[in-house]
Amino acid sequence: MSYKIITISRQFGSGGRTVGKELADQLGLPCYDQELISMMAEESGFSEEHVRELGDTPFRNRLFSTRAERALNSSYLQSALWNAQEKVILELAEQGPCVIVGRCADRILKDRDDVLRVFIHADEEFRAHRIVEVYGELEGADPYDRMLEKDKLREGYYERYTRTQWGDARNFHLTLNSGELGLDFCVKLLEGLYKTE
């Protein structure tokens, strides 16, 4: 199998973003991660702040004052952002080989035969340690709580829009335990798979 695109889904703190960026560097490919936010903002007409706020948190409604406004507008905005996200990712896939981190790219591109779909995970201890190492300690914030909250939001977003269970190994070509294997090994393994004809 010859792959053109790699999608990386990941648990928070597992190093999936780092693996994606390192892999893209090794392969000489563009990596789309936070860049997707500005692309989605341009496509949807919303500000980057609103895309960040609503982009992967479908159950948080902070933009409007009354409960009715929040329910009505959040649903509309979420749908509009999902459509923008889907369009951006489909267009990026058409432009050429790349690595895409998160944003349900694995499901958006599920009908393409040239996509290698990867899920990066690790145990809670590894992830909690890495969260503090990468993001720093926040006063009064427990890294385990941050990890569980972020994963819950990702899971809710993913399952709402894809109707598929987040992290289910059946939806991926490969799931990698970055805590056991190490980030560098994950990069090397994926690089080898990508280059396999």
Protein backbone atom coordinates (compact mmCIF):
# COMPACT_ATOMS: atom_id res chain seq x y z
CA MET A 1 0.00 0.00 0.00
CA SER A 2 1.31 3.44 -0.92
CA TYR A 3 0.25 6.25 1.42
CA LYS A 4 0.01 9.92 0.59
CA ILE A 5 -1.56 11.35 3.74
CA ILE A 6 -1.14 10.50 7.42
CA THR A 7 -3.81 11.45 9.94
CA ILE A 8 -2.90 11.43 13.61
CA SER A 9 -5.59 11.23 16.27
CA ARG A 10 -4.38 11.29 19.85
CA GLN A 11 -5.10 11.33 23.54
CA PHE A 12 -4.16 14.56 25.24
CA GLY A 13 -0.60 14.39 26.55
CA SER A 14 0.35 11.33 24.49
CA GLY A 15 2.68 13.31 22.22
CA GLY A 16 0.62 12.81 19.07
CA ARG A 17 1.16 16.40 17.97
CA THR A 18 4.92 16.04 18.45
CA VAL A 19 4.94 12.76 16.52
CA GLY A 20 3.01 14.41 13.69
CA LYS A 21 5.33 17.40 13.42
CA GLU A 22 8.52 15.31 13.67
CA LEU A 23 7.19 12.86 11.11
CA ALA A 24 6.31 15.64 8.69
CA ASP A 25 9.79 17.11 9.10
CA GLN A 26 11.42 13.75 8.40
CA LEU A 27 9.29 13.19 5.31
CA GLY A 28 9.52 16.76 4.07
CA LEU A 29 5.73 17.16 4.18
CA PRO A 30 3.54 19.98 5.46
CA CYS A 31 1.95 19.32 8.85
CA TYR A 32 -1.47 20.77 9.56
CA ASP A 33 -2.39 21.15 13.21
CA GLN A 34 -3.01 24.59 14.72
CA GLU A 35 -2.81 25.95 11.17
CA LEU A 36 -6.25 24.42 10.60
CA ILE A 37 -7.78 26.97 12.97
CA SER A 38 -6.87 29.94 10.78
CA MET A 39 -7.93 28.02 7.66
CA MET A 40 -11.30 27.19 9.24
CA ALA A 41 -11.72 30.80 10.32
CA GLU A 42 -11.09 32.02 6.79
CA GLU A 43 -13.45 29.44 5.31
CA SER A 44 -16.26 30.04 7.82
CA GLY A 45 -15.90 33.80 8.28
CA PHE A 46 -15.67 33.39 12.06
CA SER A 47 -12.80 34.78 14.10
CA GLU A 48 -9.95 32.47 15.08
CA GLU A 49 -11.00 33.00 18.70
CA HIS A 50 -14.49 31.64 17.98
CA VAL A 51 -13.07 28.72 16.01
CA ARG A 52 -10.83 27.87 18.97
CA GLU A 53 -13.71 28.23 21.41
CA LEU A 54 -16.19 26.16 19.44
CA GLY A 55 -13.98 24.02 17.26
CA ASP A 56 -13.65 21.00 19.50
CA THR A 57 -15.90 21.79 22.43
CA PRO A 58 -19.49 21.24 21.29
CA PHE A 59 -20.89 21.27 24.81
CA ARG A 60 -19.52 24.67 25.85
CA ASN A 61 -21.74 27.61 24.98
CA ARG A 62 -20.14 30.84 26.18
CA LEU A 63 -20.83 33.25 23.36
CA PHE A 64 -24.44 34.13 24.08
CA SER A 65 -26.25 35.34 27.16
CA THR A 66 -29.49 33.39 27.49
CA ARG A 67 -29.89 29.64 27.54
CA ALA A 68 -32.16 29.73 24.48
CA GLU A 69 -29.64 31.83 22.52
CA ARG A 70 -26.83 29.50 23.52
CA ALA A 71 -28.74 26.39 22.43
CA LEU A 72 -29.85 27.85 19.09
CA ASN A 73 -26.67 29.64 18.09
CA SER A 74 -24.22 27.05 19.35
CA SER A 75 -25.89 24.36 17.23
CA TYR A 76 -25.78 26.59 14.14
CA LEU A 77 -22.17 27.65 14.74
CA GLN A 78 -21.04 24.10 15.40
CA SER A 79 -22.55 22.89 12.15
CA ALA A 80 -21.03 25.78 10.21
CA LEU A 81 -17.60 25.11 11.72
CA TRP A 82 -17.83 21.40 11.04
CA ASN A 83 -18.66 22.12 7.39
CA ALA A 84 -15.70 24.50 7.17
CA GLN A 85 -13.41 21.97 8.82
CA GLU A 86 -14.52 19.19 6.49
CA LYS A 87 -14.03 21.38 3.40
CA VAL A 88 -10.57 22.54 4.48
CA ILE A 89 -9.35 18.99 5.20
CA LEU A 90 -10.73 17.60 1.94
CA GLU A 91 -9.03 20.40 0.02
CA LEU A 92 -5.71 19.86 1.81
CA ALA A 93 -5.85 16.17 0.92
CA GLU A 94 -6.35 17.10 -2.74
CA GLN A 95 -3.40 19.50 -2.71
CA GLY A 96 -0.83 16.80 -1.99
CA PRO A 97 0.92 14.63 0.59
CA CYS A 98 0.71 15.90 4.17
CA VAL A 99 0.30 15.05 7.84
CA ILE A 100 -2.93 16.17 9.54
CA VAL A 101 -3.20 16.16 13.33
CA GLY A 102 -6.63 15.83 14.93
CA ARG A 103 -9.82 17.49 13.71
CA CYS A 104 -11.45 14.15 12.83
CA ALA A 105 -9.33 14.00 9.66
CA ASP A 106 -9.25 10.19 9.87
CA ARG A 107 -13.03 10.03 9.41
CA ILE A 108 -13.32 12.95 6.99
CA LEU A 109 -10.84 11.16 4.71
CA LYS A 110 -12.11 7.64 5.43
CA ASP A 111 -13.05 6.98 1.81
CA ARG A 112 -9.54 7.60 0.49
CA ASP A 113 -7.27 4.60 -0.01
CA ASP A 114 -4.08 6.66 0.30
CA VAL A 115 -4.56 7.70 3.94
CA LEU A 116 -2.69 6.07 6.82
CA ARG A 117 -4.87 6.51 9.91
CA VAL A 118 -3.02 6.47 13.24
CA PHE A 119 -4.11 6.81 16.89
CA ILE A 120 -1.51 7.71 19.54
CA HIS A 121 -2.23 6.83 23.16
CA ALA A 122 -0.38 6.26 26.43
CA ASP A 123 -1.10 5.47 30.07
CA GLU A 124 -2.29 8.23 32.40
CA GLU A 125 0.96 8.54 34.33
CA PHE A 126 3.01 9.14 31.17
CA ARG A 127 0.49 11.64 29.86
CA ALA A 128 0.15 13.56 33.13
CA HIS A 129 3.93 13.88 33.40
CA ARG A 130 4.19 15.04 29.79
CA ILE A 131 1.37 17.58 30.19
CA VAL A 132 3.30 19.29 32.99
CA GLU A 133 6.55 19.02 31.02
CA VAL A 134 5.12 20.51 27.82
CA TYR A 135 2.39 22.86 29.03
CA GLY A 136 3.69 23.69 32.50
CA GLU A 137 1.90 23.61 35.80
CA LEU A 138 -1.22 25.71 36.18
CA GLU A 139 -2.04 26.92 39.67
CA GLY A 140 -4.75 24.75 41.16
CA ALA A 141 -4.97 22.55 38.03
CA ASP A 142 -4.26 18.86 38.39
CA PRO A 143 -2.71 17.39 35.22
CA TYR A 144 -4.92 14.30 35.53
CA ASP A 145 -8.02 16.51 35.60
CA ARG A 146 -6.78 18.50 32.59
CA MET A 147 -6.09 15.27 30.74
CA LEU A 148 -9.49 13.74 31.46
CA GLU A 149 -11.35 16.95 30.60
CA LYS A 150 -9.54 17.40 27.28
CA ASP A 151 -10.05 13.76 26.32
CA LYS A 152 -13.74 13.98 27.21
CA LEU A 153 -14.14 17.04 24.98
CA ARG A 154 -12.29 15.36 22.10
CA GLU A 155 -14.34 12.22 22.52
CA GLY A 156 -17.63 14.14 22.58
CA TYR A 157 -16.74 16.18 19.51
CA TYR A 158 -15.50 13.18 17.55
CA GLU A 159 -18.50 11.01 18.35
CA ARG A 160 -21.01 13.79 17.74
CA TYR A 161 -19.83 14.47 14.21
CA THR A 162 -18.49 11.12 13.05
CA ARG A 163 -21.00 8.81 14.78
CA THR A 164 -17.98 6.65 15.53
CA GLN A 165 -16.31 5.72 18.81
CA TRP A 166 -13.24 7.84 19.50
CA GLY A 167 -10.04 5.79 19.84
CA ASP A 168 -11.62 2.55 18.61
CA ALA A 169 -8.73 0.55 17.11
CA ARG A 170 -11.01 -0.79 14.36
CA ASN A 171 -11.09 2.69 12.81
CA PHE A 172 -7.32 2.97 12.45
CA HIS A 173 -4.58 1.19 10.58
CA LEU A 174 -2.35 1.53 13.60
CA THR A 175 -2.60 2.46 17.28
CA LEU A 176 0.67 3.26 19.04
CA ASN A 177 1.42 3.43 22.76
CA SER A 178 3.85 6.35 22.82
CA GLY A 179 4.58 5.86 26.51
CA GLU A 180 5.85 2.32 25.94
CA LEU A 181 7.40 2.77 22.49
CA GLY A 182 8.76 6.30 22.82
CA LEU A 183 7.99 9.22 20.55
CA ASP A 184 11.11 8.79 18.41
CA PHE A 185 10.29 5.13 17.70
CA CYS A 186 6.73 6.08 16.74
CA VAL A 187 8.10 8.61 14.24
CA LYS A 188 10.55 6.08 12.75
CA LEU A 189 7.90 3.39 12.49
CA LEU A 190 5.45 5.69 10.71
CA GLU A 191 8.15 7.02 8.45
CA GLY A 192 8.97 3.44 7.39
CA LEU A 193 5.31 2.62 6.76
CA TYR A 194 4.81 5.77 4.74
CA LYS A 195 7.74 4.97 2.49
CA THR A 196 6.63 1.38 1.93
CA GLU A 197 5.37 0.85 -1.60
